[in-house]
Each structure stands twice: as C-alpha cells, then as structure tokens.
Amino acid sequence: MKHNNQLPNQHFRKDWQIHVKTWFNQPGQKKSRRVQRIKKAAAIAPRPIDGLLRPAVRCPTIKYNTKLRAGRGFSLEELKEAGVSRKVARTIGIAVDHRRRNRSVESLQANVERLAEYKSKLIVFPKKANKPKKGDADAAAVAGATQLAGALLPIAQPAVTDVSRKIGATPVVHAYAALRKARSDARYKGIREKRAREKAEEEANKKK
C-alpha cells in the first residue's frame, strides 16, 4: 500500500452466485464436437478429413523464422513448377494463395516436392464411372480408396545442423580491439599527419 489510503476491504458477499462461471456442459460439448467431426468427415468423404493440402512456410520475424508451419496456400509459381493449373488445383484438394511470393529457391523447391508427393498419392474419382476422363483413377484404385483420417502430409521440422564445439586457445587478434584501434586511427589521422608535418618543418628550420 502507498500513501494514506483506506485499507482494502472488499465486500463480495452480495449476489456472488451470479458472478460464478461453471462448466457443467463440458462433457456435453465434448460429445457435440465429436458428433460434428463425424458428420463433417461423412460429408466430405472420400476427401481427407484434414481438408486442403497446405504449403510449408516459415513463420515471420527473427524470433520464429526457424520454425516451419502450414501456410494459407501454394503460390502460383509453385503450382507452375509442379505442373498444376491454378483452376485445377482447387478441384483436387490443393489450397491456392495468389498473393504469396517465393523469396528463396529452397522454399520453392520444398513446396514443389510437396506437391509432387501429393500428386503421386492422389486418387481422382471420375464424375461418371462409365466415362472416366484423362487423369482420373482406374476402377481398381477407386474401389480400394479409403478416407485419410490423420494429418495430410504432416510438416516435419528440419534437423538442427548447428554443432557445438569448444573454444580453443585465446585468439592472437582480438576483433573488438582491432575495430576500436581502426576507428581511433581513422579519427586522429588528420591530427597526426599535421603534427608530423609541423615537427618535420621545425627540424628543417633548426638545421638552417
């Protein structure tokens, strides 16, 4: 407490029951969420339960950019490299983000490989079973297809390549001291040249 104020003496005994929050509906809500998940899975079957395929992107800012996470959608450049049309991509379960730009070759190649892996495992059901089109799966693949229940191509964090090592003997050249000396030499260069010039002139005058 600071200053000459009244000591805290709160009165919370009036109508306290209306200020208490309870969670007695928690078991019921848990069941409702489960039922909704089952309904959604049945509605989108035979598509994967996880939804659309998302790209692996870096989190923004220096604090989090070592982490990989799922992005909004694949860039148009990634789709072009993978040989997937932007209009067709959405129809086969691939998310598209026309605003995203690829800032590095590594991220572009990683997501192109991700798309290639997805295409290799993809089973496209024909709209009409008796008239399959180009790119549609055959009858045997369609008959054996099952709905994917887990994560769709989960994103794995890259292995840490930093190797810790012991610091050896004290270096001969200290970087901080070298930088400070270089800064000092640059600062006093003109003054020192002037002093040297004046001294040389004095020596020359004495000889005369």
C-alpha atoms as a PDB file:
ATOM      1  CA  MET A   1       0.000   0.000   0.000  1.00  0.00           C
ATOM      2  CA  LYS A   2       1.142   3.512  -0.796  1.00  0.00           C
ATOM      3  CA  HIS A   3       0.078   6.761   0.807  1.00  0.00           C
ATOM      4  CA  ASN A   4      -2.605   7.314   3.403  1.00  0.00           C
ATOM      5  CA  ASN A   5      -5.424   5.386   1.724  1.00  0.00           C
ATOM      6  CA  GLN A   6      -8.153   3.162   3.088  1.00  0.00           C
ATOM      7  CA  LEU A   7      -7.137  -0.474   3.564  1.00  0.00           C
ATOM      8  CA  PRO A   8      -8.695  -2.842   1.001  1.00  0.00           C
ATOM      9  CA  ASN A   9     -11.822  -4.372   2.447  1.00  0.00           C
ATOM     10  CA  GLN A  10     -13.900  -5.579  -0.462  1.00  0.00           C
ATOM     11  CA  HIS A  11     -17.421  -6.871   0.042  1.00  0.00           C
ATOM     12  CA  PHE A  12     -18.126  -9.719  -2.344  1.00  0.00           C
ATOM     13  CA  ARG A  13     -20.872 -11.449  -0.366  1.00  0.00           C
ATOM     14  CA  LYS A  14     -23.863  -9.944  -2.143  1.00  0.00           C
ATOM     15  CA  ASP A  15     -25.218 -11.887  -5.170  1.00  0.00           C
ATOM     16  CA  TRP A  16     -21.964 -13.795  -5.573  1.00  0.00           C
ATOM     17  CA  GLN A  17     -23.820 -16.671  -7.243  1.00  0.00           C
ATOM     18  CA  ILE A  18     -24.492 -14.676 -10.429  1.00  0.00           C
ATOM     19  CA  HIS A  19     -20.761 -13.947 -10.854  1.00  0.00           C
ATOM     20  CA  VAL A  20     -19.673 -17.602 -10.714  1.00  0.00           C
ATOM     21  CA  LYS A  21     -18.995 -19.280 -14.066  1.00  0.00           C
ATOM     22  CA  THR A  22     -19.439 -23.035 -14.320  1.00  0.00           C
ATOM     23  CA  TRP A  23     -18.504 -25.621 -16.950  1.00  0.00           C
ATOM     24  CA  PHE A  24     -21.059 -28.320 -16.260  1.00  0.00           C
ATOM     25  CA  ASN A  25     -21.736 -28.541 -20.009  1.00  0.00           C
ATOM     26  CA  GLN A  26     -18.155 -29.629 -20.758  1.00  0.00           C
ATOM     27  CA  PRO A  27     -18.929 -33.349 -21.275  1.00  0.00           C
ATOM     28  CA  GLY A  28     -21.895 -32.465 -23.475  1.00  0.00           C
ATOM     29  CA  GLN A  29     -19.812 -30.041 -25.558  1.00  0.00           C
ATOM     30  CA  LYS A  30     -17.145 -32.712 -25.986  1.00  0.00           C
ATOM     31  CA  LYS A  31     -19.732 -35.102 -27.380  1.00  0.00           C
ATOM     32  CA  SER A  32     -21.174 -32.389 -29.655  1.00  0.00           C
ATOM     33  CA  ARG A  33     -17.741 -31.660 -31.132  1.00  0.00           C
ATOM     34  CA  ARG A  34     -17.166 -35.362 -31.748  1.00  0.00           C
ATOM     35  CA  VAL A  35     -20.532 -35.745 -33.496  1.00  0.00           C
ATOM     36  CA  GLN A  36     -19.782 -32.686 -35.655  1.00  0.00           C
ATOM     37  CA  ARG A  37     -16.386 -34.138 -36.638  1.00  0.00           C
ATOM     38  CA  ILE A  38     -18.034 -37.413 -37.686  1.00  0.00           C
ATOM     39  CA  LYS A  39     -20.701 -35.522 -39.687  1.00  0.00           C
ATOM     40  CA  LYS A  40     -18.077 -33.410 -41.449  1.00  0.00           C
ATOM     41  CA  ALA A  41     -15.964 -36.479 -42.295  1.00  0.00           C
ATOM     42  CA  ALA A  42     -19.023 -38.181 -43.785  1.00  0.00           C
ATOM     43  CA  ALA A  43     -19.987 -35.062 -45.744  1.00  0.00           C
ATOM     44  CA  ILE A  44     -16.584 -34.559 -47.393  1.00  0.00           C
ATOM     45  CA  ALA A  45     -15.827 -38.282 -47.913  1.00  0.00           C
ATOM     46  CA  PRO A  46     -13.794 -39.673 -49.638  1.00  0.00           C
ATOM     47  CA  ARG A  47     -11.682 -36.492 -49.349  1.00  0.00           C
ATOM     48  CA  PRO A  48      -9.148 -36.299 -46.484  1.00  0.00           C
ATOM     49  CA  ILE A  49     -10.574 -35.217 -43.128  1.00  0.00           C
ATOM     50  CA  ASP A  50      -7.713 -32.711 -42.694  1.00  0.00           C
ATOM     51  CA  GLY A  51      -9.013 -30.631 -45.610  1.00  0.00           C
ATOM     52  CA  LEU A  52      -6.894 -28.982 -48.300  1.00  0.00           C
ATOM     53  CA  LEU A  53      -3.168 -29.501 -48.817  1.00  0.00           C
ATOM     54  CA  ARG A  54      -1.240 -26.522 -47.410  1.00  0.00           C
ATOM     55  CA  PRO A  55       2.347 -25.398 -48.168  1.00  0.00           C
ATOM     56  CA  ALA A  56       5.220 -25.461 -45.677  1.00  0.00           C
ATOM     57  CA  VAL A  57       6.159 -21.864 -44.862  1.00  0.00           C
ATOM     58  CA  ARG A  58       8.454 -20.051 -42.433  1.00  0.00           C
ATOM     59  CA  CYS A  59       6.979 -18.098 -39.545  1.00  0.00           C
ATOM     60  CA  PRO A  60       7.612 -14.326 -39.740  1.00  0.00           C
ATOM     61  CA  THR A  61      10.096 -12.349 -37.585  1.00  0.00           C
ATOM     62  CA  ILE A  62      13.544 -13.349 -36.354  1.00  0.00           C
ATOM     63  CA  LYS A  63      12.084 -14.908 -33.205  1.00  0.00           C
ATOM     64  CA  TYR A  64      10.073 -17.590 -35.024  1.00  0.00           C
ATOM     65  CA  ASN A  65      11.590 -17.924 -38.524  1.00  0.00           C
ATOM     66  CA  THR A  66      13.406 -21.146 -37.571  1.00  0.00           C
ATOM     67  CA  LYS A  67      10.017 -22.899 -37.415  1.00  0.00           C
ATOM     68  CA  LEU A  68       8.042 -24.378 -40.303  1.00  0.00           C
ATOM     69  CA  ARG A  69       4.253 -24.292 -40.319  1.00  0.00           C
ATOM     70  CA  ALA A  70       1.351 -24.747 -42.720  1.00  0.00           C
ATOM     71  CA  GLY A  71       0.651 -21.694 -44.884  1.00  0.00           C
ATOM     72  CA  ARG A  72      -2.544 -20.396 -46.452  1.00  0.00           C
ATOM     73  CA  GLY A  73      -1.980 -21.781 -49.932  1.00  0.00           C
ATOM     74  CA  PHE A  74       0.564 -22.585 -52.634  1.00  0.00           C
ATOM     75  CA  SER A  75       1.895 -19.694 -54.715  1.00  0.00           C
ATOM     76  CA  LEU A  76       1.244 -19.528 -58.461  1.00  0.00           C
ATOM     77  CA  GLU A  77       4.955 -20.046 -59.141  1.00  0.00           C
ATOM     78  CA  GLU A  78       4.973 -23.281 -57.097  1.00  0.00           C
ATOM     79  CA  LEU A  79       1.923 -24.578 -58.956  1.00  0.00           C
ATOM     80  CA  LYS A  80       3.547 -23.738 -62.307  1.00  0.00           C
ATOM     81  CA  GLU A  81       6.767 -25.583 -61.362  1.00  0.00           C
ATOM     82  CA  ALA A  82       4.739 -28.613 -60.232  1.00  0.00           C
ATOM     83  CA  GLY A  83       2.690 -28.610 -63.447  1.00  0.00           C
ATOM     84  CA  VAL A  84      -0.683 -27.930 -61.778  1.00  0.00           C
ATOM     85  CA  SER A  85      -3.139 -25.379 -63.135  1.00  0.00           C
ATOM     86  CA  ARG A  86      -4.414 -22.818 -60.625  1.00  0.00           C
ATOM     87  CA  LYS A  87      -8.029 -23.667 -61.537  1.00  0.00           C
ATOM     88  CA  VAL A  88      -7.488 -27.423 -61.379  1.00  0.00           C
ATOM     89  CA  ALA A  89      -5.572 -27.203 -58.079  1.00  0.00           C
ATOM     90  CA  ARG A  90      -8.632 -26.218 -56.048  1.00  0.00           C
ATOM     91  CA  THR A  91     -10.689 -29.057 -57.527  1.00  0.00           C
ATOM     92  CA  ILE A  92      -8.154 -31.729 -56.427  1.00  0.00           C
ATOM     93  CA  GLY A  93      -7.754 -30.504 -52.832  1.00  0.00           C
ATOM     94  CA  ILE A  94      -4.818 -28.066 -53.139  1.00  0.00           C
ATOM     95  CA  ALA A  95      -5.067 -24.651 -51.478  1.00  0.00           C
ATOM     96  CA  VAL A  96      -4.019 -21.675 -53.643  1.00  0.00           C
ATOM     97  CA  ASP A  97      -2.835 -18.261 -52.451  1.00  0.00           C
ATOM     98  CA  HIS A  98      -2.305 -15.864 -55.370  1.00  0.00           C
ATOM     99  CA  ARG A  99      -0.754 -13.215 -53.056  1.00  0.00           C
ATOM    100  CA  ARG A 100       2.161 -15.327 -51.827  1.00  0.00           C
ATOM    101  CA  ARG A 101       5.617 -14.728 -53.327  1.00  0.00           C
ATOM    102  CA  ASN A 102       8.606 -17.070 -53.197  1.00  0.00           C
ATOM    103  CA  ARG A 103      11.608 -15.263 -51.721  1.00  0.00           C
ATOM    104  CA  SER A 104      14.042 -18.192 -51.929  1.00  0.00           C
ATOM    105  CA  VAL A 105      14.747 -21.143 -54.204  1.00  0.00           C
ATOM    106  CA  GLU A 106      14.794 -23.514 -51.199  1.00  0.00           C
ATOM    107  CA  SER A 107      11.183 -22.813 -50.189  1.00  0.00           C
ATOM    108  CA  LEU A 108      10.060 -23.069 -53.815  1.00  0.00           C
ATOM    109  CA  GLN A 109      11.712 -26.471 -54.308  1.00  0.00           C
ATOM    110  CA  ALA A 110      10.439 -27.783 -50.963  1.00  0.00           C
ATOM    111  CA  ASN A 111       6.818 -26.970 -51.819  1.00  0.00           C
ATOM    112  CA  VAL A 112       7.172 -28.272 -55.381  1.00  0.00           C
ATOM    113  CA  GLU A 113       8.377 -31.586 -53.901  1.00  0.00           C
ATOM    114  CA  ARG A 114       5.423 -31.490 -51.505  1.00  0.00           C
ATOM    115  CA  LEU A 115       3.035 -31.095 -54.430  1.00  0.00           C
ATOM    116  CA  ALA A 116       4.767 -33.899 -56.355  1.00  0.00           C
ATOM    117  CA  GLU A 117       4.395 -36.256 -53.377  1.00  0.00           C
ATOM    118  CA  TYR A 118       0.717 -35.336 -53.055  1.00  0.00           C
ATOM    119  CA  LYS A 119       0.103 -35.946 -56.767  1.00  0.00           C
ATOM    120  CA  SER A 120       1.779 -39.366 -56.564  1.00  0.00           C
ATOM    121  CA  LYS A 121      -0.648 -40.426 -53.819  1.00  0.00           C
ATOM    122  CA  LEU A 122      -3.718 -38.695 -55.257  1.00  0.00           C
ATOM    123  CA  ILE A 123      -6.731 -40.717 -56.424  1.00  0.00           C
ATOM    124  CA  VAL A 124      -9.089 -38.634 -58.585  1.00  0.00           C
ATOM    125  CA  PHE A 125     -12.600 -40.081 -58.713  1.00  0.00           C
ATOM    126  CA  PRO A 126     -14.287 -39.806 -62.145  1.00  0.00           C
ATOM    127  CA  LYS A 127     -17.528 -37.799 -62.269  1.00  0.00           C
ATOM    128  CA  LYS A 128     -19.083 -40.606 -64.297  1.00  0.00           C
ATOM    129  CA  ALA A 129     -17.871 -44.115 -63.516  1.00  0.00           C
ATOM    130  CA  ASN A 130     -18.616 -45.365 -67.025  1.00  0.00           C
ATOM    131  CA  LYS A 131     -16.889 -42.372 -68.712  1.00  0.00           C
ATOM    132  CA  PRO A 132     -13.548 -41.674 -66.977  1.00  0.00           C
ATOM    133  CA  LYS A 133     -11.574 -38.683 -68.264  1.00  0.00           C
ATOM    134  CA  LYS A 134      -7.829 -38.160 -68.633  1.00  0.00           C
ATOM    135  CA  GLY A 135      -6.174 -38.022 -65.188  1.00  0.00           C
ATOM    136  CA  ASP A 136      -8.927 -39.967 -63.415  1.00  0.00           C
ATOM    137  CA  ALA A 137      -8.049 -43.072 -61.420  1.00  0.00           C
ATOM    138  CA  ASP A 138      -8.947 -46.546 -62.670  1.00  0.00           C
ATOM    139  CA  ALA A 139     -11.747 -48.644 -61.179  1.00  0.00           C
ATOM    140  CA  ALA A 140      -9.366 -50.750 -59.033  1.00  0.00           C
ATOM    141  CA  ALA A 141      -7.804 -47.665 -57.387  1.00  0.00           C
ATOM    142  CA  VAL A 142     -11.232 -46.123 -56.763  1.00  0.00           C
ATOM    143  CA  ALA A 143     -12.540 -49.348 -55.192  1.00  0.00           C
ATOM    144  CA  GLY A 144      -9.553 -49.580 -52.818  1.00  0.00           C
ATOM    145  CA  ALA A 145      -9.550 -45.894 -51.800  1.00  0.00           C
ATOM    146  CA  THR A 146     -10.138 -45.024 -48.157  1.00  0.00           C
ATOM    147  CA  GLN A 147     -10.593 -41.682 -46.422  1.00  0.00           C
ATOM    148  CA  LEU A 148      -7.406 -40.315 -44.812  1.00  0.00           C
ATOM    149  CA  ALA A 149      -8.141 -39.772 -41.128  1.00  0.00           C
ATOM    150  CA  GLY A 150      -4.846 -38.269 -39.919  1.00  0.00           C
ATOM    151  CA  ALA A 151      -2.829 -35.223 -40.919  1.00  0.00           C
ATOM    152  CA  LEU A 152      -2.400 -34.625 -44.655  1.00  0.00           C
ATOM    153  CA  LEU A 153       1.363 -34.820 -45.364  1.00  0.00           C
ATOM    154  CA  PRO A 154       2.424 -33.538 -41.917  1.00  0.00           C
ATOM    155  CA  ILE A 155       5.154 -30.879 -41.903  1.00  0.00           C
ATOM    156  CA  ALA A 156       8.352 -32.093 -40.240  1.00  0.00           C
ATOM    157  CA  GLN A 157      10.712 -29.608 -38.623  1.00  0.00           C
ATOM    158  CA  PRO A 158      14.168 -29.580 -40.264  1.00  0.00           C
ATOM    159  CA  ALA A 159      17.040 -31.160 -38.319  1.00  0.00           C
ATOM    160  CA  VAL A 160      19.260 -28.811 -36.345  1.00  0.00           C
ATOM    161  CA  THR A 161      22.592 -28.505 -38.138  1.00  0.00           C
ATOM    162  CA  ASP A 162      24.313 -26.294 -35.572  1.00  0.00           C
ATOM    163  CA  VAL A 163      27.186 -28.189 -33.957  1.00  0.00           C
ATOM    164  CA  SER A 164      28.527 -27.018 -30.616  1.00  0.00           C
ATOM    165  CA  ARG A 165      32.304 -27.015 -30.194  1.00  0.00           C
ATOM    166  CA  LYS A 166      34.771 -25.910 -27.556  1.00  0.00           C
ATOM    167  CA  ILE A 167      36.521 -22.603 -27.925  1.00  0.00           C
ATOM    168  CA  GLY A 168      40.244 -23.138 -28.446  1.00  0.00           C
ATOM    169  CA  ALA A 169      43.125 -21.000 -27.266  1.00  0.00           C
ATOM    170  CA  THR A 170      42.790 -17.243 -26.968  1.00  0.00           C
ATOM    171  CA  PRO A 171      42.980 -15.697 -30.448  1.00  0.00           C
ATOM    172  CA  VAL A 172      46.077 -13.678 -31.300  1.00  0.00           C
ATOM    173  CA  VAL A 173      43.997 -10.852 -32.781  1.00  0.00           C
ATOM    174  CA  HIS A 174      41.076  -9.573 -30.739  1.00  0.00           C
ATOM    175  CA  ALA A 175      38.333  -8.423 -33.089  1.00  0.00           C
ATOM    176  CA  TYR A 176      36.907  -5.779 -30.748  1.00  0.00           C
ATOM    177  CA  ALA A 177      40.306  -4.235 -30.006  1.00  0.00           C
ATOM    178  CA  ALA A 178      41.226  -4.262 -33.713  1.00  0.00           C
ATOM    179  CA  LEU A 179      37.997  -2.479 -34.635  1.00  0.00           C
ATOM    180  CA  ARG A 180      38.422   0.129 -31.909  1.00  0.00           C
ATOM    181  CA  LYS A 181      42.016   0.797 -32.995  1.00  0.00           C
ATOM    182  CA  ALA A 182      40.986   1.144 -36.643  1.00  0.00           C
ATOM    183  CA  ARG A 183      38.254   3.590 -35.609  1.00  0.00           C
ATOM    184  CA  SER A 184      40.698   5.586 -33.494  1.00  0.00           C
ATOM    185  CA  ASP A 185      43.335   5.674 -36.277  1.00  0.00           C
ATOM    186  CA  ALA A 186      40.771   6.934 -38.763  1.00  0.00           C
ATOM    187  CA  ARG A 187      39.578   9.605 -36.336  1.00  0.00           C
ATOM    188  CA  TYR A 188      43.039  11.002 -35.492  1.00  0.00           C
ATOM    189  CA  LYS A 189      44.613  10.543 -38.915  1.00  0.00           C
ATOM    190  CA  GLY A 190      44.478  14.232 -39.867  1.00  0.00           C
ATOM    191  CA  ILE A 191      45.755  15.487 -36.499  1.00  0.00           C
ATOM    192  CA  ARG A 192      48.678  13.039 -36.510  1.00  0.00           C
ATOM    193  CA  GLU A 193      49.653  13.952 -40.070  1.00  0.00           C
ATOM    194  CA  LYS A 194      49.541  17.635 -39.165  1.00  0.00           C
ATOM    195  CA  ARG A 195      51.741  17.056 -36.086  1.00  0.00           C
ATOM    196  CA  ALA A 196      54.246  15.042 -38.113  1.00  0.00           C
ATOM    197  CA  ARG A 197      54.370  17.751 -40.789  1.00  0.00           C
ATOM    198  CA  GLU A 198      54.889  20.531 -38.211  1.00  0.00           C
ATOM    199  CA  LYS A 199      57.638  18.521 -36.500  1.00  0.00           C
ATOM    200  CA  ALA A 200      59.414  17.975 -39.820  1.00  0.00           C
ATOM    201  CA  GLU A 201      59.244  21.698 -40.542  1.00  0.00           C
ATOM    202  CA  GLU A 202      60.695  22.521 -37.109  1.00  0.00           C
ATOM    203  CA  GLU A 203      63.569  20.097 -37.698  1.00  0.00           C
ATOM    204  CA  ALA A 204      64.247  21.675 -41.083  1.00  0.00           C
ATOM    205  CA  ASN A 205      64.265  25.190 -39.576  1.00  0.00           C
ATOM    206  CA  LYS A 206      66.721  24.141 -36.849  1.00  0.00           C
ATOM    207  CA  LYS A 207      69.190  22.840 -39.442  1.00  0.00           C
ATOM    208  CA  LYS A 208      69.076  26.191 -41.214  1.00  0.00           C
END
